[in-house]
Amino acid sequence: MNVAQSAIRQSPLLVRAGDISFRRRGLMLPIAVVLLLVPSPQLSSNIALMACLGLGAALLGQFIRSATVGLAYIIRGGRDHRVYAEQLVTGGLYSHCRNPMYVGNFFLILGLALASNSWVFALVGVPLALAMHRAIVAAEEHFLRGRFGAEFDAYCARVSRWVPMLKGLRATIAGMQFDRRRVLVKEYAKPFDWLSAIALIALVNLWRAGELGGREWLIALMLAVIGIRFAFWVAARRIANSSPPD
């Protein structure tokens, strides 16, 4: 079975699960918060290290998401809470990976797992999030194949579903105009997100362990992340209120 065929022949049950997950995807962060409240053994006794690793993974995930939106925005936010796409976008990072936004999400979730320093979150939250994303992709591919047919088949044959092709990535980025305004409006419209949660949970873990003293640099870093994130939200609100995004 070739790449295109593997992308097309989705299990009907998986597609159905993807449709449900797509409608309920906004529950991912609340579910994560609940899991973070469950008492759990620690992944590591070095809380500061886990906080830094978690923040690093999350920043990478946010960078991937921002680069994706800034280079070639894809309207797959759904319509009436259902999978929908106006056109088959294959430019920007989508020419290197079919699901760069979900790859970014993976690093955000990984970042929260590391920063939480929780085995419960790592063993429950991460697999649950990955399963939901896999199901959503199945539903999206089912829709795209039905709408775009052979064009989508050809796209699947040349571009991987998950693993980015690094060859030509620099040329892709250099050859496109980065839309900072769109990134602000599309990525920072909400005042709180995964990145904010990671910084906050890292501070809470340090406080619980009584390790805030002597960690002024780490505290300042996490507060800076939260502060910059809030500033981006304010900027996004101003842009959204002044005129609709392109």
Protein backbone atom coordinates (compact mmCIF):
# COMPACT_ATOMS: atom_id res chain seq x y z
CA MET A 1 0.00 0.00 0.00
CA ASN A 2 1.53 3.36 -1.03
CA VAL A 3 1.48 6.62 0.91
CA ALA A 4 -1.60 7.97 -0.82
CA GLN A 5 -3.58 4.78 -0.28
CA SER A 6 -2.67 4.65 3.41
CA ALA A 7 -3.91 8.22 3.79
CA ILE A 8 -7.18 7.51 2.00
CA ARG A 9 -8.26 4.17 3.45
CA GLN A 10 -9.28 5.40 6.87
CA SER A 11 -11.34 3.26 9.19
CA PRO A 12 -14.95 4.52 9.31
CA LEU A 13 -14.83 4.19 13.09
CA LEU A 14 -11.67 6.31 13.24
CA VAL A 15 -13.23 8.92 10.97
CA ARG A 16 -16.30 9.05 13.21
CA ALA A 17 -14.10 9.42 16.28
CA GLY A 18 -12.27 12.20 14.47
CA ASP A 19 -15.49 14.07 13.76
CA ILE A 20 -16.38 13.90 17.45
CA SER A 21 -12.86 14.88 18.54
CA PHE A 22 -12.88 17.81 16.12
CA ARG A 23 -16.07 19.17 17.67
CA ARG A 24 -14.73 18.65 21.19
CA ARG A 25 -11.10 19.67 20.65
CA GLY A 26 -11.57 22.74 22.84
CA LEU A 27 -11.81 20.39 25.83
CA MET A 28 -8.17 19.32 25.51
CA LEU A 29 -6.79 22.10 27.70
CA PRO A 30 -9.48 21.75 30.42
CA ILE A 31 -8.86 17.98 30.49
CA ALA A 32 -5.14 18.65 30.82
CA VAL A 33 -5.79 20.98 33.76
CA VAL A 34 -7.84 18.28 35.51
CA LEU A 35 -5.08 15.72 34.99
CA LEU A 36 -2.55 18.15 36.42
CA LEU A 37 -4.55 18.27 39.64
CA VAL A 38 -4.36 14.49 40.10
CA PRO A 39 -1.64 13.49 42.61
CA SER A 40 1.17 11.71 40.80
CA PRO A 41 4.74 10.44 41.18
CA GLN A 42 7.31 12.79 39.68
CA LEU A 43 9.07 12.18 36.41
CA SER A 44 12.23 13.66 37.91
CA SER A 45 13.43 15.11 41.20
CA ASN A 46 14.98 18.02 39.28
CA ILE A 47 11.92 20.26 38.96
CA ALA A 48 13.84 23.21 37.50
CA LEU A 49 15.31 21.04 34.74
CA MET A 50 11.89 19.64 33.84
CA ALA A 51 10.47 23.15 33.74
CA CYS A 52 13.20 24.26 31.32
CA LEU A 53 12.79 21.18 29.13
CA GLY A 54 9.04 21.65 29.08
CA LEU A 55 9.31 25.31 28.17
CA GLY A 56 11.82 24.52 25.43
CA ALA A 57 9.56 21.89 23.87
CA ALA A 58 6.57 24.22 24.09
CA LEU A 59 8.43 27.13 22.49
CA LEU A 60 9.41 24.84 19.62
CA GLY A 61 5.79 23.82 19.21
CA GLN A 62 4.61 27.42 19.25
CA PHE A 63 7.31 28.36 16.74
CA ILE A 64 6.10 25.65 14.35
CA ARG A 65 2.49 26.77 14.71
CA SER A 66 3.37 30.44 14.23
CA ALA A 67 5.53 29.69 11.19
CA THR A 68 2.72 27.63 9.68
CA VAL A 69 0.11 30.36 10.15
CA GLY A 70 2.45 33.15 9.11
CA LEU A 71 3.55 31.53 5.85
CA ALA A 72 0.41 29.89 4.48
CA TYR A 73 -2.72 29.97 6.58
CA ILE A 74 -5.07 27.07 6.01
CA ILE A 75 -8.76 27.48 6.71
CA ARG A 76 -9.53 24.17 8.38
CA GLY A 77 -11.06 25.59 11.51
CA GLY A 78 -14.29 23.92 10.56
CA ARG A 79 -17.73 25.14 9.71
CA ASP A 80 -20.60 24.60 12.14
CA HIS A 81 -18.21 22.53 14.27
CA ARG A 82 -17.49 20.16 11.40
CA VAL A 83 -14.36 19.49 9.35
CA TYR A 84 -14.24 21.87 6.40
CA ALA A 85 -11.71 23.28 3.93
CA GLU A 86 -12.22 25.90 1.24
CA GLN A 87 -9.15 24.87 -0.72
CA LEU A 88 -6.32 22.38 -0.61
CA VAL A 89 -3.38 24.37 0.75
CA THR A 90 -0.03 22.82 -0.17
CA GLY A 91 2.31 25.81 0.17
CA GLY A 92 4.42 27.04 3.07
CA LEU A 93 5.14 24.42 5.68
CA TYR A 94 2.34 22.32 4.17
CA SER A 95 4.73 21.53 1.32
CA HIS A 96 6.97 19.79 3.87
CA CYS A 97 4.38 18.17 6.16
CA ARG A 98 0.65 17.67 5.76
CA ASN A 99 -0.11 18.49 9.39
CA PRO A 100 2.45 21.01 10.68
CA MET A 101 -0.03 22.58 13.11
CA TYR A 102 -0.58 19.21 14.79
CA VAL A 103 3.17 18.60 14.90
CA GLY A 104 3.40 21.91 16.74
CA ASN A 105 0.64 20.73 19.06
CA PHE A 106 2.63 17.60 19.84
CA PHE A 107 5.53 19.65 21.17
CA LEU A 108 3.15 21.84 23.18
CA ILE A 109 1.63 18.76 24.80
CA LEU A 110 5.07 17.26 25.36
CA GLY A 111 6.15 20.53 26.94
CA LEU A 112 3.24 20.47 29.35
CA ALA A 113 3.97 16.84 30.24
CA LEU A 114 7.60 17.64 31.01
CA ALA A 115 6.85 20.84 32.93
CA SER A 116 4.09 19.13 34.92
CA ASN A 117 6.65 16.52 36.02
CA SER A 118 3.72 14.12 36.36
CA TRP A 119 3.63 10.45 35.43
CA VAL A 120 -0.18 10.58 35.41
CA PHE A 121 -0.19 13.32 32.80
CA ALA A 122 2.56 11.65 30.78
CA LEU A 123 0.81 8.26 30.71
CA VAL A 124 -2.78 9.50 30.34
CA GLY A 125 -2.80 13.04 28.95
CA VAL A 126 -0.21 12.61 26.20
CA PRO A 127 -1.64 9.36 24.71
CA LEU A 128 -5.17 10.81 24.91
CA ALA A 129 -4.13 13.96 23.07
CA LEU A 130 -2.24 11.98 20.43
CA ALA A 131 -5.21 9.67 19.90
CA MET A 132 -7.55 12.65 19.46
CA HIS A 133 -5.21 14.27 16.94
CA ARG A 134 -4.84 11.03 14.99
CA ALA A 135 -8.60 10.67 14.80
CA ILE A 136 -9.04 14.30 13.74
CA VAL A 137 -6.50 13.81 10.95
CA ALA A 138 -8.42 10.75 9.77
CA ALA A 139 -11.62 12.80 9.58
CA GLU A 140 -9.86 15.63 7.77
CA GLU A 141 -8.25 13.29 5.25
CA HIS A 142 -11.59 11.62 4.62
CA PHE A 143 -13.15 15.01 3.90
CA LEU A 144 -10.25 16.26 1.76
CA ARG A 145 -10.17 13.11 -0.33
CA GLY A 146 -13.90 13.38 -0.95
CA ARG A 147 -13.64 17.04 -1.95
CA PHE A 148 -10.36 17.22 -3.86
CA GLY A 149 -9.96 13.63 -5.10
CA ALA A 150 -6.88 13.00 -7.23
CA GLU A 151 -5.33 16.34 -6.26
CA PHE A 152 -5.30 15.25 -2.62
CA ASP A 153 -4.03 11.78 -3.58
CA ALA A 154 -1.06 13.35 -5.36
CA TYR A 155 -0.38 15.61 -2.38
CA CYS A 156 -0.37 12.61 -0.02
CA ALA A 157 2.02 10.77 -2.31
CA ARG A 158 4.67 13.47 -2.14
CA VAL A 159 4.28 14.90 1.39
CA SER A 160 4.44 12.98 4.67
CA ARG A 161 1.55 13.07 7.10
CA TRP A 162 3.68 13.67 10.20
CA VAL A 163 7.44 13.72 9.59
CA PRO A 164 8.55 17.05 8.09
CA MET A 165 10.80 17.01 5.02
CA LEU A 166 13.65 19.36 5.85
CA LYS A 167 15.04 19.52 2.31
CA GLY A 168 14.18 22.88 0.77
CA LEU A 169 12.73 24.26 4.00
CA ARG A 170 15.02 27.30 4.01
CA ALA A 171 14.05 28.12 0.44
CA THR A 172 10.37 27.79 1.29
CA ILE A 173 10.65 30.22 4.18
CA ALA A 174 12.80 32.67 2.21
CA GLY A 175 10.46 32.60 -0.76
CA MET A 176 7.31 33.58 1.15
CA GLN A 177 6.17 36.66 3.00
CA PHE A 178 5.60 36.13 6.72
CA ASP A 179 2.31 37.64 7.92
CA ARG A 180 2.92 38.71 11.55
CA ARG A 181 -0.50 40.30 11.81
CA ARG A 182 -2.24 37.05 10.91
CA VAL A 183 -0.15 35.15 13.45
CA LEU A 184 -1.22 37.51 16.22
CA VAL A 185 -4.90 37.32 15.35
CA LYS A 186 -5.06 33.57 14.72
CA GLU A 187 -2.66 32.34 17.40
CA TYR A 188 -3.15 34.76 20.28
CA ALA A 189 -6.86 35.60 20.23
CA LYS A 190 -7.32 33.87 23.60
CA PRO A 191 -5.74 35.24 26.79
CA PHE A 192 -4.63 31.81 28.02
CA ASP A 193 -3.16 28.86 26.16
CA TRP A 194 -0.79 25.90 26.44
CA LEU A 195 2.30 28.08 26.67
CA SER A 196 0.82 30.12 29.52
CA ALA A 197 -0.24 26.91 31.27
CA ILE A 198 3.28 25.49 31.03
CA ALA A 199 4.86 28.57 32.58
CA LEU A 200 2.24 28.67 35.33
CA ILE A 201 2.48 24.98 36.22
CA ALA A 202 6.28 25.24 36.37
CA LEU A 203 5.97 28.06 38.91
CA VAL A 204 3.41 26.11 40.93
CA ASN A 205 5.64 23.02 41.03
CA LEU A 206 8.61 25.07 42.20
CA TRP A 207 6.45 26.66 44.90
CA ARG A 208 5.10 23.30 46.09
CA ALA A 209 8.65 21.93 46.36
CA GLY A 210 9.85 25.02 48.21
CA GLU A 211 12.40 25.74 45.47
CA LEU A 212 11.43 29.28 44.54
CA GLY A 213 14.33 30.62 46.55
CA GLY A 214 17.50 30.73 44.49
CA ARG A 215 15.56 30.25 41.24
CA GLU A 216 15.02 33.92 40.52
CA TRP A 217 16.21 33.55 36.93
CA LEU A 218 13.74 30.75 36.26
CA ILE A 219 10.90 32.63 37.94
CA ALA A 220 11.71 35.70 35.84
CA LEU A 221 11.76 33.57 32.69
CA MET A 222 8.36 32.02 33.37
CA LEU A 223 6.83 35.35 34.30
CA ALA A 224 8.28 36.83 31.11
CA VAL A 225 6.63 34.08 29.07
CA ILE A 226 3.28 34.82 30.69
CA GLY A 227 3.78 38.59 30.29
CA ILE A 228 4.75 38.36 26.60
CA ARG A 229 1.86 36.01 25.96
CA PHE A 230 -0.52 38.54 27.55
CA ALA A 231 0.98 41.36 25.48
CA PHE A 232 0.42 39.34 22.30
CA TRP A 233 -3.21 38.82 23.31
CA VAL A 234 -3.68 42.57 23.81
CA ALA A 235 -2.12 43.25 20.39
CA ALA A 236 -4.33 40.59 18.80
CA ARG A 237 -7.46 42.18 20.29
CA ARG A 238 -6.48 45.59 18.97
CA ILE A 239 -5.87 44.25 15.48
CA ALA A 240 -9.09 42.23 15.47
CA ASN A 241 -11.11 45.23 16.64
CA SER A 242 -9.58 47.58 14.07
CA SER A 243 -10.13 45.47 10.96
CA PRO A 244 -10.62 41.82 9.94
CA PRO A 245 -7.44 39.82 9.22
CA ASP A 246 -6.41 39.00 5.66
